[in-house]
PDB file of N, CA and C in Angstrom:
ATOM      1  N   MET A   1     122.196  78.323 127.130  1.00  0.00           N
ATOM      2  CA  MET A   1     121.984  79.724 127.088  1.00  0.00           C
ATOM      3  C   MET A   1     122.820  80.476 126.013  1.00  0.00           C
ATOM      4  N   PHE A   2     123.806  79.660 125.682  1.00  0.00           N
ATOM      5  CA  PHE A   2     124.848  80.400 124.667  1.00  0.00           C
ATOM      6  C   PHE A   2     124.356  80.052 123.318  1.00  0.00           C
ATOM      7  N   PHE A   3     123.702  78.591 123.190  1.00  0.00           N
ATOM      8  CA  PHE A   3     123.204  78.492 121.917  1.00  0.00           C
ATOM      9  C   PHE A   3     121.819  79.096 121.528  1.00  0.00           C
ATOM     10  N   GLU A   4     121.252  79.698 122.735  1.00  0.00           N
ATOM     11  CA  GLU A   4     119.923  80.499 122.462  1.00  0.00           C
ATOM     12  C   GLU A   4     120.260  81.805 121.852  1.00  0.00           C
ATOM     13  N   TRP A   5     121.457  82.293 122.411  1.00  0.00           N
ATOM     14  CA  TRP A   5     121.894  83.738 122.147  1.00  0.00           C
ATOM     15  C   TRP A   5     122.283  83.510 120.657  1.00  0.00           C
ATOM     16  N   ILE A   6     123.118  82.552 120.191  1.00  0.00           N
ATOM     17  CA  ILE A   6     123.481  82.296 118.774  1.00  0.00           C
ATOM     18  C   ILE A   6     122.290  82.186 117.997  1.00  0.00           C
ATOM     19  N   ALA A   7     121.290  81.305 118.404  1.00  0.00           N
ATOM     20  CA  ALA A   7     119.858  81.315 117.567  1.00  0.00           C
ATOM     21  C   ALA A   7     119.264  82.764 117.092  1.00  0.00           C
ATOM     22  N   ARG A   8     119.352  83.353 118.506  1.00  0.00           N
ATOM     23  CA  ARG A   8     118.560  84.919 118.236  1.00  0.00           C
ATOM     24  C   ARG A   8     119.365  85.623 117.268  1.00  0.00           C
ATOM     25  N   PHE A   9     120.643  85.722 117.514  1.00  0.00           N
ATOM     26  CA  PHE A   9     121.599  86.659 116.816  1.00  0.00           C
ATOM     27  C   PHE A   9     121.509  86.166 115.377  1.00  0.00           C
ATOM     28  N   TRP A  10     121.390  85.027 114.691  1.00  0.00           N
ATOM     29  CA  TRP A  10     121.154  84.762 113.356  1.00  0.00           C
ATOM     30  C   TRP A  10     119.931  85.022 112.860  1.00  0.00           C
ATOM     31  N   THR A  11     119.172  84.652 113.608  1.00  0.00           N
ATOM     32  CA  THR A  11     117.530  85.019 113.325  1.00  0.00           C
ATOM     33  C   THR A  11     117.364  86.674 112.822  1.00  0.00           C
ATOM     34  N   ARG A  12     117.993  87.377 113.851  1.00  0.00           N
ATOM     35  CA  ARG A  12     118.010  88.800 113.624  1.00  0.00           C
ATOM     36  C   ARG A  12     118.835  89.263 112.354  1.00  0.00           C
ATOM     37  N   ARG A  13     119.767  88.540 112.104  1.00  0.00           N
ATOM     38  CA  ARG A  13     120.617  88.976 111.114  1.00  0.00           C
ATOM     39  C   ARG A  13     120.022  88.610 109.967  1.00  0.00           C
ATOM     40  N   ARG A  14     119.446  87.254 109.803  1.00  0.00           N
ATOM     41  CA  ARG A  14     118.655  87.147 108.633  1.00  0.00           C
ATOM     42  C   ARG A  14     117.551  88.127 108.133  1.00  0.00           C
ATOM     43  N   ALA A  15     116.870  88.326 109.323  1.00  0.00           N
ATOM     44  CA  ALA A  15     115.894  89.247 109.073  1.00  0.00           C
ATOM     45  C   ALA A  15     116.162  90.571 108.580  1.00  0.00           C
ATOM     46  N   ALA A  16     117.363  91.362 108.887  1.00  0.00           N
ATOM     47  CA  ALA A  16     117.786  92.461 108.730  1.00  0.00           C
ATOM     48  C   ALA A  16     118.415  92.405 107.161  1.00  0.00           C
ATOM     49  N   ALA A  17     118.939  91.249 106.812  1.00  0.00           N
ATOM     50  CA  ALA A  17     119.417  91.162 105.375  1.00  0.00           C
ATOM     51  C   ALA A  17     118.225  91.153 104.698  1.00  0.00           C
ATOM     52  N   ARG A  18     116.983  90.460 104.783  1.00  0.00           N
ATOM     53  CA  ARG A  18     115.770  90.443 104.114  1.00  0.00           C
ATOM     54  C   ARG A  18     115.242  91.755 103.842  1.00  0.00           C
ATOM     55  N   LEU A  19     115.282  92.551 105.067  1.00  0.00           N
ATOM     56  CA  LEU A  19     114.653  93.952 104.926  1.00  0.00           C
ATOM     57  C   LEU A  19     115.510  94.729 103.846  1.00  0.00           C
ATOM     58  N   ASN A  20     116.629  94.468 103.821  1.00  0.00           N
ATOM     59  CA  ASN A  20     117.613  95.301 102.999  1.00  0.00           C
ATOM     60  C   ASN A  20     117.333  94.860 101.516  1.00  0.00           C
ATOM     61  N   GLU A  21     116.738  93.936 101.224  1.00  0.00           N
ATOM     62  CA  GLU A  21     116.298  93.479 100.117  1.00  0.00           C
ATOM     63  C   GLU A  21     114.825  93.986  99.517  1.00  0.00           C
ATOM     64  N   LEU A  22     114.060  94.679 100.380  1.00  0.00           N
ATOM     65  CA  LEU A  22     112.761  95.124 100.114  1.00  0.00           C
ATOM     66  C   LEU A  22     112.611  96.386  99.360  1.00  0.00           C
ATOM     67  N   HIS A  23     111.856  96.360  98.429  1.00  0.00           N
ATOM     68  CA  HIS A  23     111.852  97.396  97.560  1.00  0.00           C
ATOM     69  C   HIS A  23     110.327  97.928  97.488  1.00  0.00           C
ATOM     70  N   PHE A  24     110.127  98.936  98.020  1.00  0.00           N
ATOM     71  CA  PHE A  24     108.579  99.596  98.186  1.00  0.00           C
ATOM     72  C   PHE A  24     108.649 100.847  97.118  1.00  0.00           C
ATOM     73  N   VAL A  25     107.402 100.600  96.324  1.00  0.00           N
ATOM     74  CA  VAL A  25     107.032 101.566  95.490  1.00  0.00           C
ATOM     75  C   VAL A  25     105.524 101.977  95.873  1.00  0.00           C
ATOM     76  N   MET A  26     105.477 103.348  95.810  1.00  0.00           N
ATOM     77  CA  MET A  26     104.284 103.900  95.930  1.00  0.00           C
ATOM     78  C   MET A  26     103.820 104.769  94.790  1.00  0.00           C
ATOM     79  N   TYR A  27     102.792 104.327  94.075  1.00  0.00           N
ATOM     80  CA  TYR A  27     102.209 105.186  93.030  1.00  0.00           C
ATOM     81  C   TYR A  27     101.348 105.996  93.351  1.00  0.00           C
ATOM     82  N   THR A  28     101.316 107.254  93.051  1.00  0.00           N
ATOM     83  CA  THR A  28     100.503 108.374  93.704  1.00  0.00           C
ATOM     84  C   THR A  28     100.194 109.357  92.548  1.00  0.00           C
ATOM     85  N   ARG A  29      99.437 110.538  92.778  1.00  0.00           N
ATOM     86  CA  ARG A  29      99.221 111.697  91.912  1.00  0.00           C
ATOM     87  C   ARG A  29      99.187 113.095  92.786  1.00  0.00           C
ATOM     88  N   PRO A  30      99.524 113.862  92.324  1.00  0.00           N
ATOM     89  CA  PRO A  30      99.687 115.335  92.983  1.00  0.00           C
ATOM     90  C   PRO A  30      98.422 115.511  93.614  1.00  0.00           C
ATOM     91  N   GLY A  31      98.547 116.317  94.849  1.00  0.00           N
ATOM     92  CA  GLY A  31      97.288 116.633  95.429  1.00  0.00           C
ATOM     93  C   GLY A  31      96.284 115.703  96.264  1.00  0.00           C
ATOM     94  N   CYS A  32      97.051 114.532  96.280  1.00  0.00           N
ATOM     95  CA  CYS A  32      96.287 113.358  96.842  1.00  0.00           C
ATOM     96  C   CYS A  32      96.589 113.399  98.450  1.00  0.00           C
ATOM     97  N   HIS A  33      95.760 113.644  99.376  1.00  0.00           N
ATOM     98  CA  HIS A  33      96.134 113.905 100.665  1.00  0.00           C
ATOM     99  C   HIS A  33      96.010 112.331 101.395  1.00  0.00           C
ATOM    100  N   LEU A  34      95.468 111.274 100.662  1.00  0.00           N
ATOM    101  CA  LEU A  34      95.743 109.944 101.063  1.00  0.00           C
ATOM    102  C   LEU A  34      97.224 109.508 100.872  1.00  0.00           C
ATOM    103  N   CYS A  35      97.664 109.995  99.698  1.00  0.00           N
ATOM    104  CA  CYS A  35      99.052 109.613  99.484  1.00  0.00           C
ATOM    105  C   CYS A  35     100.188 110.347 100.241  1.00  0.00           C
ATOM    106  N   GLU A  36      99.812 111.799 100.679  1.00  0.00           N
ATOM    107  CA  GLU A  36     100.752 112.377 101.402  1.00  0.00           C
ATOM    108  C   GLU A  36     100.956 111.762 102.969  1.00  0.00           C
ATOM    109  N   THR A  37      99.807 111.279 103.366  1.00  0.00           N
ATOM    110  CA  THR A  37      99.674 110.562 104.697  1.00  0.00           C
ATOM    111  C   THR A  37     100.374 109.128 104.387  1.00  0.00           C
ATOM    112  N   ALA A  38     100.275 108.202 103.402  1.00  0.00           N
ATOM    113  CA  ALA A  38     100.837 107.318 103.314  1.00  0.00           C
ATOM    114  C   ALA A  38     102.445 107.361 102.997  1.00  0.00           C
ATOM    115  N   TRP A  39     102.924 108.392 102.309  1.00  0.00           N
ATOM    116  CA  TRP A  39     104.467 108.720 101.977  1.00  0.00           C
ATOM    117  C   TRP A  39     105.051 108.975 103.617  1.00  0.00           C
ATOM    118  N   THR A  40     104.215 109.843 104.309  1.00  0.00           N
ATOM    119  CA  THR A  40     104.938 110.072 105.499  1.00  0.00           C
ATOM    120  C   THR A  40     104.994 108.942 106.511  1.00  0.00           C
ATOM    121  N   LEU A  41     104.058 108.022 106.445  1.00  0.00           N
ATOM    122  CA  LEU A  41     104.274 106.909 107.124  1.00  0.00           C
ATOM    123  C   LEU A  41     105.340 105.710 106.551  1.00  0.00           C
ATOM    124  N   LEU A  42     105.536 105.839 105.130  1.00  0.00           N
ATOM    125  CA  LEU A  42     106.492 104.874 104.741  1.00  0.00           C
ATOM    126  C   LEU A  42     108.130 105.491 104.946  1.00  0.00           C
ATOM    127  N   GLN A  43     107.883 106.577 104.899  1.00  0.00           N
ATOM    128  CA  GLN A  43     109.367 107.520 105.306  1.00  0.00           C
ATOM    129  C   GLN A  43     109.780 107.066 106.673  1.00  0.00           C
ATOM    130  N   ALA A  44     108.717 107.118 107.721  1.00  0.00           N
ATOM    131  CA  ALA A  44     109.124 106.895 108.912  1.00  0.00           C
ATOM    132  C   ALA A  44     109.316 105.474 109.207  1.00  0.00           C
ATOM    133  N   LYS A  45     108.674 104.708 108.569  1.00  0.00           N
ATOM    134  CA  LYS A  45     109.124 103.169 108.431  1.00  0.00           C
ATOM    135  C   LYS A  45     110.442 102.719 107.769  1.00  0.00           C
ATOM    136  N   GLN A  46     110.953 103.448 107.117  1.00  0.00           N
ATOM    137  CA  GLN A  46     112.265 103.576 106.292  1.00  0.00           C
ATOM    138  C   GLN A  46     113.250 103.766 107.031  1.00  0.00           C
ATOM    139  N   GLN A  47     113.006 104.575 107.931  1.00  0.00           N
ATOM    140  CA  GLN A  47     114.123 105.133 108.982  1.00  0.00           C
ATOM    141  C   GLN A  47     114.397 103.973 109.987  1.00  0.00           C
ATOM    142  N   LEU A  48     113.402 102.997 110.328  1.00  0.00           N
ATOM    143  CA  LEU A  48     113.502 102.114 111.215  1.00  0.00           C
ATOM    144  C   LEU A  48     114.083 100.919 110.506  1.00  0.00           C
ATOM    145  N   TYR A  49     113.614 100.474 109.523  1.00  0.00           N
ATOM    146  CA  TYR A  49     113.801  99.346 108.962  1.00  0.00           C
ATOM    147  C   TYR A  49     114.637  99.245 107.427  1.00  0.00           C
ATOM    148  N   ARG A  50     115.104 100.386 106.954  1.00  0.00           N
ATOM    149  CA  ARG A  50     116.035 100.634 106.021  1.00  0.00           C
ATOM    150  C   ARG A  50     115.715  99.724 104.791  1.00  0.00           C
ATOM    151  N   PHE A  51     114.574 100.133 104.224  1.00  0.00           N
ATOM    152  CA  PHE A  51     114.321  99.513 102.818  1.00  0.00           C
ATOM    153  C   PHE A  51     114.219 100.509 101.799  1.00  0.00           C
ATOM    154  N   THR A  52     114.370  99.938 100.652  1.00  0.00           N
ATOM    155  CA  THR A  52     114.208 101.089  99.447  1.00  0.00           C
ATOM    156  C   THR A  52     112.891 101.426  99.108  1.00  0.00           C
ATOM    157  N   LEU A  53     112.727 102.822  98.863  1.00  0.00           N
ATOM    158  CA  LEU A  53     111.242 103.517  98.834  1.00  0.00           C
ATOM    159  C   LEU A  53     111.441 104.547  97.601  1.00  0.00           C
ATOM    160  N   THR A  54     110.477 104.406  96.746  1.00  0.00           N
ATOM    161  CA  THR A  54     110.408 105.281  95.465  1.00  0.00           C
ATOM    162  C   THR A  54     108.895 105.503  95.162  1.00  0.00           C
ATOM    163  N   MET A  55     108.927 106.871  94.604  1.00  0.00           N
ATOM    164  CA  MET A  55     107.504 107.398  94.432  1.00  0.00           C
ATOM    165  C   MET A  55     107.456 107.486  92.864  1.00  0.00           C
ATOM    166  N   VAL A  56     106.275 106.870  92.518  1.00  0.00           N
ATOM    167  CA  VAL A  56     105.849 107.142  91.053  1.00  0.00           C
ATOM    168  C   VAL A  56     104.715 107.738  90.880  1.00  0.00           C
ATOM    169  N   GLU A  57     104.445 108.981  90.115  1.00  0.00           N
ATOM    170  CA  GLU A  57     103.370 109.602  89.760  1.00  0.00           C
ATOM    171  C   GLU A  57     102.746 108.866  88.607  1.00  0.00           C
ATOM    172  N   VAL A  58     101.399 108.510  88.952  1.00  0.00           N
ATOM    173  CA  VAL A  58     100.517 107.631  87.933  1.00  0.00           C
ATOM    174  C   VAL A  58     100.233 108.289  86.618  1.00  0.00           C
ATOM    175  N   ASP A  59     100.132 109.820  86.880  1.00  0.00           N
ATOM    176  CA  ASP A  59      99.688 110.682  85.717  1.00  0.00           C
ATOM    177  C   ASP A  59     100.788 110.909  84.590  1.00  0.00           C
ATOM    178  N   THR A  60     102.012 110.489  84.831  1.00  0.00           N
ATOM    179  CA  THR A  60     103.179 110.621  83.985  1.00  0.00           C
ATOM    180  C   THR A  60     103.040 109.499  82.996  1.00  0.00           C
ATOM    181  N   ASP A  61     102.283 108.508  83.068  1.00  0.00           N
ATOM    182  CA  ASP A  61     102.091 107.252  82.060  1.00  0.00           C
ATOM    183  C   ASP A  61     100.793 106.967  82.097  1.00  0.00           C
ATOM    184  N   PRO A  62     100.148 106.647  80.778  1.00  0.00           N
ATOM    185  CA  PRO A  62      98.765 106.554  80.437  1.00  0.00           C
ATOM    186  C   PRO A  62      98.524 104.979  81.114  1.00  0.00           C
ATOM    187  N   GLY A  63      99.328 104.051  81.081  1.00  0.00           N
ATOM    188  CA  GLY A  63      99.201 102.910  81.528  1.00  0.00           C
ATOM    189  C   GLY A  63      99.232 102.598  82.916  1.00  0.00           C
ATOM    190  N   LEU A  64     100.025 103.539  83.658  1.00  0.00           N
ATOM    191  CA  LEU A  64      99.767 103.425  85.172  1.00  0.00           C
ATOM    192  C   LEU A  64      98.415 104.284  85.546  1.00  0.00           C
ATOM    193  N   THR A  65      98.185 105.177  84.724  1.00  0.00           N
ATOM    194  CA  THR A  65      96.874 105.968  85.215  1.00  0.00           C
ATOM    195  C   THR A  65      95.533 105.093  84.835  1.00  0.00           C
ATOM    196  N   ALA A  66      95.680 104.222  83.936  1.00  0.00           N
ATOM    197  CA  ALA A  66      94.541 103.196  83.815  1.00  0.00           C
ATOM    198  C   ALA A  66      94.525 102.161  84.817  1.00  0.00           C
ATOM    199  N   ARG A  67      95.862 101.795  85.252  1.00  0.00           N
ATOM    200  CA  ARG A  67      95.963 100.601  86.210  1.00  0.00           C
ATOM    201  C   ARG A  67      95.664 101.062  87.652  1.00  0.00           C
ATOM    202  N   TYR A  68      96.230 102.219  87.992  1.00  0.00           N
ATOM    203  CA  TYR A  68      96.519 102.621  89.347  1.00  0.00           C
ATOM    204  C   TYR A  68      95.301 104.021  89.659  1.00  0.00           C
ATOM    205  N   GLY A  69      94.948 104.784  88.644  1.00  0.00           N
ATOM    206  CA  GLY A  69      94.651 106.021  88.677  1.00  0.00           C
ATOM    207  C   GLY A  69      93.557 106.133  89.902  1.00  0.00           C
ATOM    208  N   ALA A  70      92.465 105.549  89.948  1.00  0.00           N
ATOM    209  CA  ALA A  70      91.374 105.636  91.002  1.00  0.00           C
ATOM    210  C   ALA A  70      91.882 105.197  92.262  1.00  0.00           C
ATOM    211  N   LYS A  71      92.858 104.006  92.437  1.00  0.00           N
ATOM    212  CA  LYS A  71      93.257 103.564  93.542  1.00  0.00           C
ATOM    213  C   LYS A  71      94.367 104.161  94.326  1.00  0.00           C
ATOM    214  N   VAL A  72      94.919 105.310  93.781  1.00  0.00           N
ATOM    215  CA  VAL A  72      96.022 105.787  94.887  1.00  0.00           C
ATOM    216  C   VAL A  72      95.790 106.139  96.187  1.00  0.00           C
ATOM    217  N   PRO A  73      96.741 105.975  97.039  1.00  0.00           N
ATOM    218  CA  PRO A  73      98.241 105.481  96.977  1.00  0.00           C
ATOM    219  C   PRO A  73      97.934 103.906  96.940  1.00  0.00           C
ATOM    220  N   VAL A  74      98.759 103.475  95.719  1.00  0.00           N
ATOM    221  CA  VAL A  74      99.105 102.134  95.567  1.00  0.00           C
ATOM    222  C   VAL A  74     100.475 101.869  96.056  1.00  0.00           C
ATOM    223  N   VAL A  75     100.689 100.745  96.984  1.00  0.00           N
ATOM    224  CA  VAL A  75     102.008 100.637  97.471  1.00  0.00           C
ATOM    225  C   VAL A  75     102.484  98.785  97.112  1.00  0.00           C
ATOM    226  N   THR A  76     103.532  98.779  96.247  1.00  0.00           N
ATOM    227  CA  THR A  76     103.936  97.424  95.855  1.00  0.00           C
ATOM    228  C   THR A  76     105.296  97.281  96.641  1.00  0.00           C
ATOM    229  N   ILE A  77     105.441  96.155  97.197  1.00  0.00           N
ATOM    230  CA  ILE A  77     106.505  95.571  97.807  1.00  0.00           C
ATOM    231  C   ILE A  77     107.041  94.377  97.060  1.00  0.00           C
ATOM    232  N   ASN A  78     108.407  94.502  96.426  1.00  0.00           N
ATOM    233  CA  ASN A  78     109.046  93.864  95.466  1.00  0.00           C
ATOM    234  C   ASN A  78     108.136  93.470  94.594  1.00  0.00           C
ATOM    235  N   GLY A  79     107.401  94.401  93.827  1.00  0.00           N
ATOM    236  CA  GLY A  79     106.501  94.263  92.694  1.00  0.00           C
ATOM    237  C   GLY A  79     105.140  93.558  92.981  1.00  0.00           C
ATOM    238  N   ARG A  80     104.795  93.369  94.101  1.00  0.00           N
ATOM    239  CA  ARG A  80     103.710  92.724  94.446  1.00  0.00           C
ATOM    240  C   ARG A  80     102.791  93.876  95.210  1.00  0.00           C
ATOM    241  N   VAL A  81     101.630  94.093  94.743  1.00  0.00           N
ATOM    242  CA  VAL A  81     100.581  95.298  95.409  1.00  0.00           C
ATOM    243  C   VAL A  81     100.182  94.553  96.884  1.00  0.00           C
ATOM    244  N   ARG A  82     100.527  95.461  97.633  1.00  0.00           N
ATOM    245  CA  ARG A  82     100.424  95.024  99.136  1.00  0.00           C
ATOM    246  C   ARG A  82      99.090  95.989  99.673  1.00  0.00           C
ATOM    247  N   PHE A  83      99.191  97.146  99.199  1.00  0.00           N
ATOM    248  CA  PHE A  83      98.175  98.447  99.929  1.00  0.00           C
ATOM    249  C   PHE A  83      97.680  98.904  98.672  1.00  0.00           C
ATOM    250  N   TRP A  84      96.373  99.629  98.912  1.00  0.00           N
ATOM    251  CA  TRP A  84      95.651 100.526  98.050  1.00  0.00           C
ATOM    252  C   TRP A  84      94.605 101.333  98.657  1.00  0.00           C
ATOM    253  N   GLY A  85      94.375 102.738  98.293  1.00  0.00           N
ATOM    254  CA  GLY A  85      93.545 103.489  98.929  1.00  0.00           C
ATOM    255  C   GLY A  85      94.071 104.002 100.266  1.00  0.00           C
ATOM    256  N   GLU A  86      94.890 103.329 101.124  1.00  0.00           N
ATOM    257  CA  GLU A  86      95.413 103.715 102.412  1.00  0.00           C
ATOM    258  C   GLU A  86      96.271 102.451 102.909  1.00  0.00           C
ATOM    259  N   ILE A  87      97.203 102.697 103.759  1.00  0.00           N
ATOM    260  CA  ILE A  87      98.046 101.864 104.168  1.00  0.00           C
ATOM    261  C   ILE A  87      97.574 101.431 105.706  1.00  0.00           C
ATOM    262  N   ASN A  88      97.251 100.154 105.865  1.00  0.00           N
ATOM    263  CA  ASN A  88      97.007  99.493 107.154  1.00  0.00           C
ATOM    264  C   ASN A  88      98.283  99.345 107.875  1.00  0.00           C
ATOM    265  N   GLU A  89      98.400 100.354 108.916  1.00  0.00           N
ATOM    266  CA  GLU A  89      99.762 100.188 109.484  1.00  0.00           C
ATOM    267  C   GLU A  89     100.042  99.019 110.236  1.00  0.00           C
ATOM    268  N   ALA A  90      98.978  98.546 111.057  1.00  0.00           N
ATOM    269  CA  ALA A  90      99.314  97.164 111.686  1.00  0.00           C
ATOM    270  C   ALA A  90      99.593  96.104 110.756  1.00  0.00           C
ATOM    271  N   LEU A  91      99.341  96.147 109.593  1.00  0.00           N
ATOM    272  CA  LEU A  91      99.726  94.975 108.591  1.00  0.00           C
ATOM    273  C   LEU A  91     101.052  95.147 108.150  1.00  0.00           C
ATOM    274  N   LEU A  92     101.276  96.739 107.787  1.00  0.00           N
ATOM    275  CA  LEU A  92     102.629  96.963 107.330  1.00  0.00           C
ATOM    276  C   LEU A  92     103.619  96.564 108.583  1.00  0.00           C
ATOM    277  N   ASN A  93     103.354  96.797 109.782  1.00  0.00           N
ATOM    278  CA  ASN A  93     104.415  96.543 111.050  1.00  0.00           C
ATOM    279  C   ASN A  93     104.520  94.936 110.932  1.00  0.00           C
ATOM    280  N   ARG A  94     103.497  94.430 110.652  1.00  0.00           N
ATOM    281  CA  ARG A  94     103.454  92.862 110.716  1.00  0.00           C
ATOM    282  C   ARG A  94     104.306  92.431 109.738  1.00  0.00           C
ATOM    283  N   PHE A  95     104.396  93.020 108.533  1.00  0.00           N
ATOM    284  CA  PHE A  95     105.412  92.297 107.249  1.00  0.00           C
ATOM    285  C   PHE A  95     106.557  92.704 107.515  1.00  0.00           C
ATOM    286  N   LEU A  96     106.785  93.901 108.110  1.00  0.00           N
ATOM    287  CA  LEU A  96     108.377  94.285 108.391  1.00  0.00           C
ATOM    288  C   LEU A  96     108.718  93.605 109.388  1.00  0.00           C
ATOM    289  N   ARG A  97     107.991  93.372 110.261  1.00  0.00           N
ATOM    290  CA  ARG A  97     108.859  92.385 111.677  1.00  0.00           C
ATOM    291  C   ARG A  97     108.829  90.883 111.187  1.00  0.00           C
ATOM    292  N   GLU A  98     108.044  90.313 110.170  1.00  0.00           N
ATOM    293  CA  GLU A  98     108.489  88.950 109.784  1.00  0.00           C
ATOM    294  C   GLU A  98     109.494  88.842 109.065  1.00  0.00           C
TER     295      GLU A  98
END
């Protein structure tokens, strides 16, 4: 019983440490209603899971506009595109719990 408790404790501690290392970037543009919805969801999850969250407007950089302009919102996690167009909350929750 004691060893099970220790195993659960260390598993939770490693998961918490991993979440502190997550960096979310949401690429957006002004007036995008999907972006507003996605940002609200990410802020709510940030309060629960304590990851870093940054917003970048694609219209400030021609390269970003060319890459993400028609797909916003685009969400990257540690540099890898995970969501575009909208966020699937079930997939986001699964990612954050793992």
